mmCIF file of all heavy atoms, coordinates in Angstrom:
data_MODEL
# 
_entry.id   MODEL 
# 
loop_
_atom_site.group_PDB 
_atom_site.id 
_atom_site.type_symbol 
_atom_site.label_atom_id 
_atom_site.label_alt_id 
_atom_site.label_comp_id 
_atom_site.label_asym_id 
_atom_site.label_entity_id 
_atom_site.label_seq_id 
_atom_site.pdbx_PDB_ins_code 
_atom_site.Cartn_x 
_atom_site.Cartn_y 
_atom_site.Cartn_z 
_atom_site.occupancy 
_atom_site.B_iso_or_equiv 
_atom_site.pdbx_formal_charge 
_atom_site.auth_seq_id 
_atom_site.auth_comp_id 
_atom_site.auth_asym_id 
_atom_site.auth_atom_id 
_atom_site.pdbx_PDB_model_num 
ATOM 1   N N   . VAL A 1 1  ? 148.463 89.392 127.933 1.00 0.00 ? 1  VAL A N   1 
ATOM 2   C CA  . VAL A 1 1  ? 147.460 88.405 127.204 1.00 0.00 ? 1  VAL A CA  1 
ATOM 3   C C   . VAL A 1 1  ? 148.452 87.689 126.322 1.00 0.00 ? 1  VAL A C   1 
ATOM 4   O O   . VAL A 1 1  ? 148.215 86.360 126.184 1.00 0.00 ? 1  VAL A O   1 
ATOM 5   C CB  . VAL A 1 1  ? 146.451 89.244 126.285 1.00 0.00 ? 1  VAL A CB  1 
ATOM 6   C CG1 . VAL A 1 1  ? 145.762 88.365 125.432 1.00 0.00 ? 1  VAL A CG1 1 
ATOM 7   C CG2 . VAL A 1 1  ? 145.555 89.934 127.327 1.00 0.00 ? 1  VAL A CG2 1 
ATOM 8   N N   . LYS A 1 2  ? 149.392 88.241 125.687 1.00 0.00 ? 2  LYS A N   1 
ATOM 9   C CA  . LYS A 1 2  ? 150.312 87.367 124.835 1.00 0.00 ? 2  LYS A CA  1 
ATOM 10  C C   . LYS A 1 2  ? 151.153 86.276 125.579 1.00 0.00 ? 2  LYS A C   1 
ATOM 11  O O   . LYS A 1 2  ? 151.312 85.213 125.142 1.00 0.00 ? 2  LYS A O   1 
ATOM 12  C CB  . LYS A 1 2  ? 151.289 88.353 124.081 1.00 0.00 ? 2  LYS A CB  1 
ATOM 13  C CG  . LYS A 1 2  ? 150.752 89.025 122.983 1.00 0.00 ? 2  LYS A CG  1 
ATOM 14  C CD  . LYS A 1 2  ? 151.708 89.936 122.230 1.00 0.00 ? 2  LYS A CD  1 
ATOM 15  C CE  . LYS A 1 2  ? 151.079 90.739 121.105 1.00 0.00 ? 2  LYS A CE  1 
ATOM 16  N NZ  . LYS A 1 2  ? 152.060 91.702 120.540 1.00 0.00 ? 2  LYS A NZ  1 
ATOM 17  N N   . MET A 1 3  ? 151.523 86.736 126.723 1.00 0.00 ? 3  MET A N   1 
ATOM 18  C CA  . MET A 1 3  ? 152.356 85.788 127.730 1.00 0.00 ? 3  MET A CA  1 
ATOM 19  C C   . MET A 1 3  ? 151.285 84.721 128.064 1.00 0.00 ? 3  MET A C   1 
ATOM 20  O O   . MET A 1 3  ? 151.719 83.430 127.940 1.00 0.00 ? 3  MET A O   1 
ATOM 21  C CB  . MET A 1 3  ? 152.819 86.594 128.952 1.00 0.00 ? 3  MET A CB  1 
ATOM 22  C CG  . MET A 1 3  ? 153.578 85.687 129.806 1.00 0.00 ? 3  MET A CG  1 
ATOM 23  S SD  . MET A 1 3  ? 154.011 86.354 131.343 1.00 0.00 ? 3  MET A SD  1 
ATOM 24  C CE  . MET A 1 3  ? 152.472 86.573 132.129 1.00 0.00 ? 3  MET A CE  1 
ATOM 25  N N   . LEU A 1 4  ? 150.095 84.861 128.526 1.00 0.00 ? 4  LEU A N   1 
ATOM 26  C CA  . LEU A 1 4  ? 149.177 83.951 128.996 1.00 0.00 ? 4  LEU A CA  1 
ATOM 27  C C   . LEU A 1 4  ? 148.865 82.977 127.732 1.00 0.00 ? 4  LEU A C   1 
ATOM 28  O O   . LEU A 1 4  ? 148.726 81.805 127.894 1.00 0.00 ? 4  LEU A O   1 
ATOM 29  C CB  . LEU A 1 4  ? 147.992 84.563 129.585 1.00 0.00 ? 4  LEU A CB  1 
ATOM 30  C CG  . LEU A 1 4  ? 148.307 85.080 131.023 1.00 0.00 ? 4  LEU A CG  1 
ATOM 31  C CD1 . LEU A 1 4  ? 146.946 85.755 131.568 1.00 0.00 ? 4  LEU A CD1 1 
ATOM 32  C CD2 . LEU A 1 4  ? 148.641 83.993 131.989 1.00 0.00 ? 4  LEU A CD2 1 
ATOM 33  N N   . ALA A 1 5  ? 148.620 83.704 126.631 1.00 0.00 ? 5  ALA A N   1 
ATOM 34  C CA  . ALA A 1 5  ? 148.199 82.918 125.399 1.00 0.00 ? 5  ALA A CA  1 
ATOM 35  C C   . ALA A 1 5  ? 149.250 81.957 124.939 1.00 0.00 ? 5  ALA A C   1 
ATOM 36  O O   . ALA A 1 5  ? 149.058 80.814 124.652 1.00 0.00 ? 5  ALA A O   1 
ATOM 37  C CB  . ALA A 1 5  ? 147.893 83.822 124.294 1.00 0.00 ? 5  ALA A CB  1 
ATOM 38  N N   . SER A 1 6  ? 150.599 82.409 125.191 1.00 0.00 ? 6  SER A N   1 
ATOM 39  C CA  . SER A 1 6  ? 151.694 81.558 124.760 1.00 0.00 ? 6  SER A CA  1 
ATOM 40  C C   . SER A 1 6  ? 151.802 80.362 125.714 1.00 0.00 ? 6  SER A C   1 
ATOM 41  O O   . SER A 1 6  ? 152.129 79.185 125.419 1.00 0.00 ? 6  SER A O   1 
ATOM 42  C CB  . SER A 1 6  ? 152.986 82.309 124.707 1.00 0.00 ? 6  SER A CB  1 
ATOM 43  O OG  . SER A 1 6  ? 153.357 82.795 126.032 1.00 0.00 ? 6  SER A OG  1 
ATOM 44  N N   . LYS A 1 7  ? 151.510 80.594 126.969 1.00 0.00 ? 7  LYS A N   1 
ATOM 45  C CA  . LYS A 1 7  ? 151.514 79.467 127.986 1.00 0.00 ? 7  LYS A CA  1 
ATOM 46  C C   . LYS A 1 7  ? 150.431 78.495 127.725 1.00 0.00 ? 7  LYS A C   1 
ATOM 47  O O   . LYS A 1 7  ? 150.562 77.283 127.851 1.00 0.00 ? 7  LYS A O   1 
ATOM 48  C CB  . LYS A 1 7  ? 151.378 80.102 129.323 1.00 0.00 ? 7  LYS A CB  1 
ATOM 49  C CG  . LYS A 1 7  ? 152.663 80.665 129.860 1.00 0.00 ? 7  LYS A CG  1 
ATOM 50  C CD  . LYS A 1 7  ? 152.489 81.167 131.355 1.00 0.00 ? 7  LYS A CD  1 
ATOM 51  C CE  . LYS A 1 7  ? 153.785 81.672 131.925 1.00 0.00 ? 7  LYS A CE  1 
ATOM 52  N NZ  . LYS A 1 7  ? 153.677 82.165 133.246 1.00 0.00 ? 7  LYS A NZ  1 
ATOM 53  N N   . ILE A 1 8  ? 149.174 78.981 127.395 1.00 0.00 ? 8  ILE A N   1 
ATOM 54  C CA  . ILE A 1 8  ? 148.142 78.141 127.117 1.00 0.00 ? 8  ILE A CA  1 
ATOM 55  C C   . ILE A 1 8  ? 148.329 77.403 125.836 1.00 0.00 ? 8  ILE A C   1 
ATOM 56  O O   . ILE A 1 8  ? 148.012 76.144 125.810 1.00 0.00 ? 8  ILE A O   1 
ATOM 57  C CB  . ILE A 1 8  ? 146.783 78.989 126.989 1.00 0.00 ? 8  ILE A CB  1 
ATOM 58  C CG1 . ILE A 1 8  ? 146.430 79.435 128.337 1.00 0.00 ? 8  ILE A CG1 1 
ATOM 59  C CG2 . ILE A 1 8  ? 145.589 78.077 126.371 1.00 0.00 ? 8  ILE A CG2 1 
ATOM 60  C CD1 . ILE A 1 8  ? 145.199 80.411 128.284 1.00 0.00 ? 8  ILE A CD1 1 
ATOM 61  N N   . ASP A 1 9  ? 148.832 77.970 124.807 1.00 0.00 ? 9  ASP A N   1 
ATOM 62  C CA  . ASP A 1 9  ? 149.048 77.313 123.443 1.00 0.00 ? 9  ASP A CA  1 
ATOM 63  C C   . ASP A 1 9  ? 150.233 76.315 123.499 1.00 0.00 ? 9  ASP A C   1 
ATOM 64  O O   . ASP A 1 9  ? 150.205 75.411 122.652 1.00 0.00 ? 9  ASP A O   1 
ATOM 65  C CB  . ASP A 1 9  ? 149.369 78.311 122.398 1.00 0.00 ? 9  ASP A CB  1 
ATOM 66  C CG  . ASP A 1 9  ? 148.154 79.136 122.052 1.00 0.00 ? 9  ASP A CG  1 
ATOM 67  O OD1 . ASP A 1 9  ? 147.033 78.544 122.367 1.00 0.00 ? 9  ASP A OD1 1 
ATOM 68  O OD2 . ASP A 1 9  ? 148.271 80.091 121.397 1.00 0.00 ? 9  ASP A OD2 1 
ATOM 69  N N   . SER A 1 10 ? 151.190 76.406 124.573 1.00 0.00 ? 10 SER A N   1 
ATOM 70  C CA  . SER A 1 10 ? 152.333 75.654 124.495 1.00 0.00 ? 10 SER A CA  1 
ATOM 71  C C   . SER A 1 10 ? 151.984 74.126 124.992 1.00 0.00 ? 10 SER A C   1 
ATOM 72  O O   . SER A 1 10 ? 152.736 73.232 124.656 1.00 0.00 ? 10 SER A O   1 
ATOM 73  C CB  . SER A 1 10 ? 153.378 76.010 125.378 1.00 0.00 ? 10 SER A CB  1 
ATOM 74  O OG  . SER A 1 10 ? 152.879 75.964 126.748 1.00 0.00 ? 10 SER A OG  1 
ATOM 75  N N   . ASP A 1 11 ? 150.953 73.881 125.490 1.00 0.00 ? 11 ASP A N   1 
ATOM 76  C CA  . ASP A 1 11 ? 150.440 72.480 126.005 1.00 0.00 ? 11 ASP A CA  1 
ATOM 77  C C   . ASP A 1 11 ? 151.537 71.960 127.019 1.00 0.00 ? 11 ASP A C   1 
ATOM 78  O O   . ASP A 1 11 ? 151.565 70.767 127.351 1.00 0.00 ? 11 ASP A O   1 
ATOM 79  C CB  . ASP A 1 11 ? 150.377 71.496 124.827 1.00 0.00 ? 11 ASP A CB  1 
ATOM 80  C CG  . ASP A 1 11 ? 149.131 71.717 123.996 1.00 0.00 ? 11 ASP A CG  1 
ATOM 81  O OD1 . ASP A 1 11 ? 148.140 72.335 124.552 1.00 0.00 ? 11 ASP A OD1 1 
ATOM 82  O OD2 . ASP A 1 11 ? 148.966 71.193 122.888 1.00 0.00 ? 11 ASP A OD2 1 
ATOM 83  N N   . LYS A 1 12 ? 152.302 72.734 127.556 1.00 0.00 ? 12 LYS A N   1 
ATOM 84  C CA  . LYS A 1 12 ? 153.205 72.360 128.662 1.00 0.00 ? 12 LYS A CA  1 
ATOM 85  C C   . LYS A 1 12 ? 152.865 72.982 129.917 1.00 0.00 ? 12 LYS A C   1 
ATOM 86  O O   . LYS A 1 12 ? 152.669 74.230 130.060 1.00 0.00 ? 12 LYS A O   1 
ATOM 87  C CB  . LYS A 1 12 ? 154.686 72.815 128.071 1.00 0.00 ? 12 LYS A CB  1 
ATOM 88  C CG  . LYS A 1 12 ? 155.148 72.136 126.931 1.00 0.00 ? 12 LYS A CG  1 
ATOM 89  C CD  . LYS A 1 12 ? 156.571 72.521 126.697 1.00 0.00 ? 12 LYS A CD  1 
ATOM 90  C CE  . LYS A 1 12 ? 157.057 71.741 125.322 1.00 0.00 ? 12 LYS A CE  1 
ATOM 91  N NZ  . LYS A 1 12 ? 158.384 72.185 125.006 1.00 0.00 ? 12 LYS A NZ  1 
ATOM 92  N N   . GLU A 1 13 ? 152.635 72.202 130.805 1.00 0.00 ? 13 GLU A N   1 
ATOM 93  C CA  . GLU A 1 13 ? 152.269 72.666 132.149 1.00 0.00 ? 13 GLU A CA  1 
ATOM 94  C C   . GLU A 1 13 ? 153.632 72.964 132.855 1.00 0.00 ? 13 GLU A C   1 
ATOM 95  O O   . GLU A 1 13 ? 154.310 71.928 132.986 1.00 0.00 ? 13 GLU A O   1 
ATOM 96  C CB  . GLU A 1 13 ? 151.486 71.707 132.888 1.00 0.00 ? 13 GLU A CB  1 
ATOM 97  C CG  . GLU A 1 13 ? 150.978 72.166 134.252 1.00 0.00 ? 13 GLU A CG  1 
ATOM 98  C CD  . GLU A 1 13 ? 150.127 71.123 134.887 1.00 0.00 ? 13 GLU A CD  1 
ATOM 99  O OE1 . GLU A 1 13 ? 149.582 70.160 134.274 1.00 0.00 ? 13 GLU A OE1 1 
ATOM 100 O OE2 . GLU A 1 13 ? 150.095 71.133 136.309 1.00 0.00 ? 13 GLU A OE2 1 
ATOM 101 N N   . THR A 1 14 ? 153.738 74.076 133.440 1.00 0.00 ? 14 THR A N   1 
ATOM 102 C CA  . THR A 1 14 ? 154.993 74.298 134.223 1.00 0.00 ? 14 THR A CA  1 
ATOM 103 C C   . THR A 1 14 ? 154.851 73.744 135.539 1.00 0.00 ? 14 THR A C   1 
ATOM 104 O O   . THR A 1 14 ? 153.756 73.936 136.259 1.00 0.00 ? 14 THR A O   1 
ATOM 105 C CB  . THR A 1 14 ? 155.301 75.862 134.291 1.00 0.00 ? 14 THR A CB  1 
ATOM 106 O OG1 . THR A 1 14 ? 154.131 76.517 134.905 1.00 0.00 ? 14 THR A OG1 1 
ATOM 107 C CG2 . THR A 1 14 ? 155.605 76.445 132.912 1.00 0.00 ? 14 THR A CG2 1 
ATOM 108 N N   . THR A 1 15 ? 155.702 72.953 135.970 1.00 0.00 ? 15 THR A N   1 
ATOM 109 C CA  . THR A 1 15 ? 155.553 72.264 137.333 1.00 0.00 ? 15 THR A CA  1 
ATOM 110 C C   . THR A 1 15 ? 156.833 72.650 138.074 1.00 0.00 ? 15 THR A C   1 
ATOM 111 O O   . THR A 1 15 ? 157.938 72.655 137.594 1.00 0.00 ? 15 THR A O   1 
ATOM 112 C CB  . THR A 1 15 ? 155.464 70.756 137.104 1.00 0.00 ? 15 THR A CB  1 
ATOM 113 O OG1 . THR A 1 15 ? 156.607 70.333 136.450 1.00 0.00 ? 15 THR A OG1 1 
ATOM 114 C CG2 . THR A 1 15 ? 154.154 70.463 136.482 1.00 0.00 ? 15 THR A CG2 1 
ATOM 115 N N   . ILE A 1 16 ? 156.612 72.861 139.291 1.00 0.00 ? 16 ILE A N   1 
ATOM 116 C CA  . ILE A 1 16 ? 157.732 73.102 140.238 1.00 0.00 ? 16 ILE A CA  1 
ATOM 117 C C   . ILE A 1 16 ? 157.695 71.919 141.174 1.00 0.00 ? 16 ILE A C   1 
ATOM 118 O O   . ILE A 1 16 ? 156.651 71.693 141.954 1.00 0.00 ? 16 ILE A O   1 
ATOM 119 C CB  . ILE A 1 16 ? 157.523 74.435 141.002 1.00 0.00 ? 16 ILE A CB  1 
ATOM 120 C CG1 . ILE A 1 16 ? 157.533 75.589 139.952 1.00 0.00 ? 16 ILE A CG1 1 
ATOM 121 C CG2 . ILE A 1 16 ? 158.653 74.536 142.030 1.00 0.00 ? 16 ILE A CG2 1 
ATOM 122 C CD1 . ILE A 1 16 ? 157.238 76.883 140.495 1.00 0.00 ? 16 ILE A CD1 1 
ATOM 123 N N   . LEU A 1 17 ? 158.611 71.121 141.232 1.00 0.00 ? 17 LEU A N   1 
ATOM 124 C CA  . LEU A 1 17 ? 158.773 69.966 142.041 1.00 0.00 ? 17 LEU A CA  1 
ATOM 125 C C   . LEU A 1 17 ? 159.832 70.115 143.184 1.00 0.00 ? 17 LEU A C   1 
ATOM 126 O O   . LEU A 1 17 ? 160.834 70.686 143.028 1.00 0.00 ? 17 LEU A O   1 
ATOM 127 C CB  . LEU A 1 17 ? 159.111 68.616 141.325 1.00 0.00 ? 17 LEU A CB  1 
ATOM 128 C CG  . LEU A 1 17 ? 158.010 68.237 140.203 1.00 0.00 ? 17 LEU A CG  1 
ATOM 129 C CD1 . LEU A 1 17 ? 158.517 67.016 139.445 1.00 0.00 ? 17 LEU A CD1 1 
ATOM 130 C CD2 . LEU A 1 17 ? 156.780 67.838 140.932 1.00 0.00 ? 17 LEU A CD2 1 
ATOM 131 N N   . ASP A 1 18 ? 159.463 69.698 144.352 1.00 0.00 ? 18 ASP A N   1 
ATOM 132 C CA  . ASP A 1 18 ? 160.364 69.700 145.541 1.00 0.00 ? 18 ASP A CA  1 
ATOM 133 C C   . ASP A 1 18 ? 161.531 68.697 145.291 1.00 0.00 ? 18 ASP A C   1 
ATOM 134 O O   . ASP A 1 18 ? 161.220 67.479 144.856 1.00 0.00 ? 18 ASP A O   1 
ATOM 135 C CB  . ASP A 1 18 ? 159.518 69.442 146.743 1.00 0.00 ? 18 ASP A CB  1 
ATOM 136 C CG  . ASP A 1 18 ? 160.382 69.532 147.948 1.00 0.00 ? 18 ASP A CG  1 
ATOM 137 O OD1 . ASP A 1 18 ? 161.586 70.233 147.965 1.00 0.00 ? 18 ASP A OD1 1 
ATOM 138 O OD2 . ASP A 1 18 ? 159.999 68.871 149.043 1.00 0.00 ? 18 ASP A OD2 1 
ATOM 139 N N   . GLN A 1 19 ? 162.715 69.042 145.502 1.00 0.00 ? 19 GLN A N   1 
ATOM 140 C CA  . GLN A 1 19 ? 163.786 68.244 145.271 1.00 0.00 ? 19 GLN A CA  1 
ATOM 141 C C   . GLN A 1 19 ? 163.646 67.000 146.080 1.00 0.00 ? 19 GLN A C   1 
ATOM 142 O O   . GLN A 1 19 ? 164.078 65.860 145.763 1.00 0.00 ? 19 GLN A O   1 
ATOM 143 C CB  . GLN A 1 19 ? 165.200 69.026 145.584 1.00 0.00 ? 19 GLN A CB  1 
ATOM 144 C CG  . GLN A 1 19 ? 166.423 68.144 145.197 1.00 0.00 ? 19 GLN A CG  1 
ATOM 145 C CD  . GLN A 1 19 ? 166.546 67.859 143.743 1.00 0.00 ? 19 GLN A CD  1 
ATOM 146 O OE1 . GLN A 1 19 ? 165.916 68.685 142.846 1.00 0.00 ? 19 GLN A OE1 1 
ATOM 147 N NE2 . GLN A 1 19 ? 167.130 66.863 143.382 1.00 0.00 ? 19 GLN A NE2 1 
ATOM 148 N N   . GLN A 1 20 ? 163.227 67.136 147.390 1.00 0.00 ? 20 GLN A N   1 
ATOM 149 C CA  . GLN A 1 20 ? 163.044 66.000 148.245 1.00 0.00 ? 20 GLN A CA  1 
ATOM 150 C C   . GLN A 1 20 ? 162.067 65.013 147.694 1.00 0.00 ? 20 GLN A C   1 
ATOM 151 O O   . GLN A 1 20 ? 162.237 63.816 147.803 1.00 0.00 ? 20 GLN A O   1 
ATOM 152 C CB  . GLN A 1 20 ? 162.612 66.482 149.603 1.00 0.00 ? 20 GLN A CB  1 
ATOM 153 C CG  . GLN A 1 20 ? 162.452 65.336 150.664 1.00 0.00 ? 20 GLN A CG  1 
ATOM 154 C CD  . GLN A 1 20 ? 162.161 65.981 152.025 1.00 0.00 ? 20 GLN A CD  1 
ATOM 155 O OE1 . GLN A 1 20 ? 161.680 67.150 152.130 1.00 0.00 ? 20 GLN A OE1 1 
ATOM 156 N NE2 . GLN A 1 20 ? 162.157 65.129 153.011 1.00 0.00 ? 20 GLN A NE2 1 
ATOM 157 N N   . THR A 1 21 ? 160.910 65.482 147.112 1.00 0.00 ? 21 THR A N   1 
ATOM 158 C CA  . THR A 1 21 ? 159.949 64.679 146.536 1.00 0.00 ? 21 THR A CA  1 
ATOM 159 C C   . THR A 1 21 ? 160.547 63.900 145.387 1.00 0.00 ? 21 THR A C   1 
ATOM 160 O O   . THR A 1 21 ? 160.333 62.661 145.248 1.00 0.00 ? 21 THR A O   1 
ATOM 161 C CB  . THR A 1 21 ? 158.850 65.571 146.058 1.00 0.00 ? 21 THR A CB  1 
ATOM 162 O OG1 . THR A 1 21 ? 158.157 66.311 147.042 1.00 0.00 ? 21 THR A OG1 1 
ATOM 163 C CG2 . THR A 1 21 ? 157.620 64.657 145.660 1.00 0.00 ? 21 THR A CG2 1 
ATOM 164 N N   . ILE A 1 22 ? 161.337 64.487 144.538 1.00 0.00 ? 22 ILE A N   1 
ATOM 165 C CA  . ILE A 1 22 ? 161.929 63.852 143.395 1.00 0.00 ? 22 ILE A CA  1 
ATOM 166 C C   . ILE A 1 22 ? 162.895 62.662 143.842 1.00 0.00 ? 22 ILE A C   1 
ATOM 167 O O   . ILE A 1 22 ? 162.938 61.611 143.440 1.00 0.00 ? 22 ILE A O   1 
ATOM 168 C CB  . ILE A 1 22 ? 162.749 64.814 142.544 1.00 0.00 ? 22 ILE A CB  1 
ATOM 169 C CG1 . ILE A 1 22 ? 161.775 65.842 141.789 1.00 0.00 ? 22 ILE A CG1 1 
ATOM 170 C CG2 . ILE A 1 22 ? 163.565 64.171 141.469 1.00 0.00 ? 22 ILE A CG2 1 
ATOM 171 C CD1 . ILE A 1 22 ? 162.370 67.011 141.099 1.00 0.00 ? 22 ILE A CD1 1 
ATOM 172 N N   . GLU A 1 23 ? 163.695 63.041 144.970 1.00 0.00 ? 23 GLU A N   1 
ATOM 173 C CA  . GLU A 1 23 ? 164.583 62.052 145.508 1.00 0.00 ? 23 GLU A CA  1 
ATOM 174 C C   . GLU A 1 23 ? 163.916 60.893 146.015 1.00 0.00 ? 23 GLU A C   1 
ATOM 175 O O   . GLU A 1 23 ? 164.342 59.749 145.965 1.00 0.00 ? 23 GLU A O   1 
ATOM 176 C CB  . GLU A 1 23 ? 165.435 62.694 146.568 1.00 0.00 ? 23 GLU A CB  1 
ATOM 177 C CG  . GLU A 1 23 ? 166.689 61.946 147.022 1.00 0.00 ? 23 GLU A CG  1 
ATOM 178 C CD  . GLU A 1 23 ? 167.694 61.597 145.834 1.00 0.00 ? 23 GLU A CD  1 
ATOM 179 O OE1 . GLU A 1 23 ? 167.848 62.381 144.945 1.00 0.00 ? 23 GLU A OE1 1 
ATOM 180 O OE2 . GLU A 1 23 ? 168.260 60.493 145.943 1.00 0.00 ? 23 GLU A OE2 1 
ATOM 181 N N   . GLN A 1 24 ? 162.841 61.114 146.877 1.00 0.00 ? 24 GLN A N   1 
ATOM 182 C CA  . GLN A 1 24 ? 161.918 60.040 147.325 1.00 0.00 ? 24 GLN A CA  1 
ATOM 183 C C   . GLN A 1 24 ? 161.381 59.235 146.195 1.00 0.00 ? 24 GLN A C   1 
ATOM 184 O O   . GLN A 1 24 ? 161.421 57.961 146.425 1.00 0.00 ? 24 GLN A O   1 
ATOM 185 C CB  . GLN A 1 24 ? 160.839 60.590 148.177 1.00 0.00 ? 24 GLN A CB  1 
ATOM 186 C CG  . GLN A 1 24 ? 161.345 61.133 149.619 1.00 0.00 ? 24 GLN A CG  1 
ATOM 187 C CD  . GLN A 1 24 ? 160.195 61.824 150.359 1.00 0.00 ? 24 GLN A CD  1 
ATOM 188 O OE1 . GLN A 1 24 ? 159.008 61.954 149.799 1.00 0.00 ? 24 GLN A OE1 1 
ATOM 189 N NE2 . GLN A 1 24 ? 160.372 62.268 151.478 1.00 0.00 ? 24 GLN A NE2 1 
ATOM 190 N N   . CYS A 1 25 ? 160.876 59.772 145.191 1.00 0.00 ? 25 CYS A N   1 
ATOM 191 C CA  . CYS A 1 25 ? 160.274 59.071 144.106 1.00 0.00 ? 25 CYS A CA  1 
ATOM 192 C C   . CYS A 1 25 ? 161.447 58.201 143.423 1.00 0.00 ? 25 CYS A C   1 
ATOM 193 O O   . CYS A 1 25 ? 161.157 56.947 143.129 1.00 0.00 ? 25 CYS A O   1 
ATOM 194 C CB  . CYS A 1 25 ? 159.733 60.072 143.080 1.00 0.00 ? 25 CYS A CB  1 
ATOM 195 S SG  . CYS A 1 25 ? 158.916 59.147 141.663 1.00 0.00 ? 25 CYS A SG  1 
ATOM 196 N N   . ARG A 1 26 ? 162.563 58.751 143.139 1.00 0.00 ? 26 ARG A N   1 
ATOM 197 C CA  . ARG A 1 26 ? 163.684 57.967 142.602 1.00 0.00 ? 26 ARG A CA  1 
ATOM 198 C C   . ARG A 1 26 ? 163.923 56.776 143.473 1.00 0.00 ? 26 ARG A C   1 
ATOM 199 O O   . ARG A 1 26 ? 164.268 55.601 143.030 1.00 0.00 ? 26 ARG A O   1 
ATOM 200 C CB  . ARG A 1 26 ? 164.858 58.854 142.378 1.00 0.00 ? 26 ARG A CB  1 
ATOM 201 C CG  . ARG A 1 26 ? 165.978 58.226 141.636 1.00 0.00 ? 26 ARG A CG  1 
ATOM 202 C CD  . ARG A 1 26 ? 167.265 59.101 141.413 1.00 0.00 ? 26 ARG A CD  1 
ATOM 203 N NE  . ARG A 1 26 ? 167.737 59.330 142.913 1.00 0.00 ? 26 ARG A NE  1 
ATOM 204 C CZ  . ARG A 1 26 ? 168.553 58.578 143.520 1.00 0.00 ? 26 ARG A CZ  1 
ATOM 205 N NH1 . ARG A 1 26 ? 168.855 57.381 143.121 1.00 0.00 ? 26 ARG A NH1 1 
ATOM 206 N NH2 . ARG A 1 26 ? 168.988 58.951 144.690 1.00 0.00 ? 26 ARG A NH2 1 
ATOM 207 N N   . ILE A 1 27 ? 164.099 56.874 144.756 1.00 0.00 ? 27 ILE A N   1 
ATOM 208 C CA  . ILE A 1 27 ? 164.537 55.951 145.687 1.00 0.00 ? 27 ILE A CA  1 
ATOM 209 C C   . ILE A 1 27 ? 163.386 54.793 145.733 1.00 0.00 ? 27 ILE A C   1 
ATOM 210 O O   . ILE A 1 27 ? 163.650 53.474 145.774 1.00 0.00 ? 27 ILE A O   1 
ATOM 211 C CB  . ILE A 1 27 ? 164.709 56.414 147.179 1.00 0.00 ? 27 ILE A CB  1 
ATOM 212 C CG1 . ILE A 1 27 ? 166.075 57.301 147.303 1.00 0.00 ? 27 ILE A CG1 1 
ATOM 213 C CG2 . ILE A 1 27 ? 164.718 55.297 148.226 1.00 0.00 ? 27 ILE A CG2 1 
ATOM 214 C CD1 . ILE A 1 27 ? 166.106 57.988 148.566 1.00 0.00 ? 27 ILE A CD1 1 
ATOM 215 N N   . LYS A 1 28 ? 162.197 55.149 145.681 1.00 0.00 ? 28 LYS A N   1 
ATOM 216 C CA  . LYS A 1 28 ? 161.072 54.161 145.619 1.00 0.00 ? 28 LYS A CA  1 
ATOM 217 C C   . LYS A 1 28 ? 161.149 53.455 144.363 1.00 0.00 ? 28 LYS A C   1 
ATOM 218 O O   . LYS A 1 28 ? 160.783 52.269 144.290 1.00 0.00 ? 28 LYS A O   1 
ATOM 219 C CB  . LYS A 1 28 ? 159.750 54.886 145.573 1.00 0.00 ? 28 LYS A CB  1 
ATOM 220 C CG  . LYS A 1 28 ? 159.457 55.252 147.152 1.00 0.00 ? 28 LYS A CG  1 
ATOM 221 C CD  . LYS A 1 28 ? 158.007 55.941 147.187 1.00 0.00 ? 28 LYS A CD  1 
ATOM 222 C CE  . LYS A 1 28 ? 157.664 56.470 148.565 1.00 0.00 ? 28 LYS A CE  1 
ATOM 223 N NZ  . LYS A 1 28 ? 156.406 57.176 148.638 1.00 0.00 ? 28 LYS A NZ  1 
ATOM 224 N N   . LEU A 1 29 ? 161.362 54.053 143.161 1.00 0.00 ? 29 LEU A N   1 
ATOM 225 C CA  . LEU A 1 29 ? 161.507 53.325 141.993 1.00 0.00 ? 29 LEU A CA  1 
ATOM 226 C C   . LEU A 1 29 ? 162.683 52.417 141.923 1.00 0.00 ? 29 LEU A C   1 
ATOM 227 O O   . LEU A 1 29 ? 162.617 51.442 141.363 1.00 0.00 ? 29 LEU A O   1 
ATOM 228 C CB  . LEU A 1 29 ? 161.687 54.375 140.719 1.00 0.00 ? 29 LEU A CB  1 
ATOM 229 C CG  . LEU A 1 29 ? 160.460 55.203 140.299 1.00 0.00 ? 29 LEU A CG  1 
ATOM 230 C CD1 . LEU A 1 29 ? 160.790 56.170 139.267 1.00 0.00 ? 29 LEU A CD1 1 
ATOM 231 C CD2 . LEU A 1 29 ? 159.487 54.207 139.683 1.00 0.00 ? 29 LEU A CD2 1 
# 
């Protein structure tokens, strides 16, 4: 419960992005 509460309170969404997706986005930019 403490772990989940800290995740909820942090206002930070953990995201896992594919390296290929990041590279494609950078190239498009």
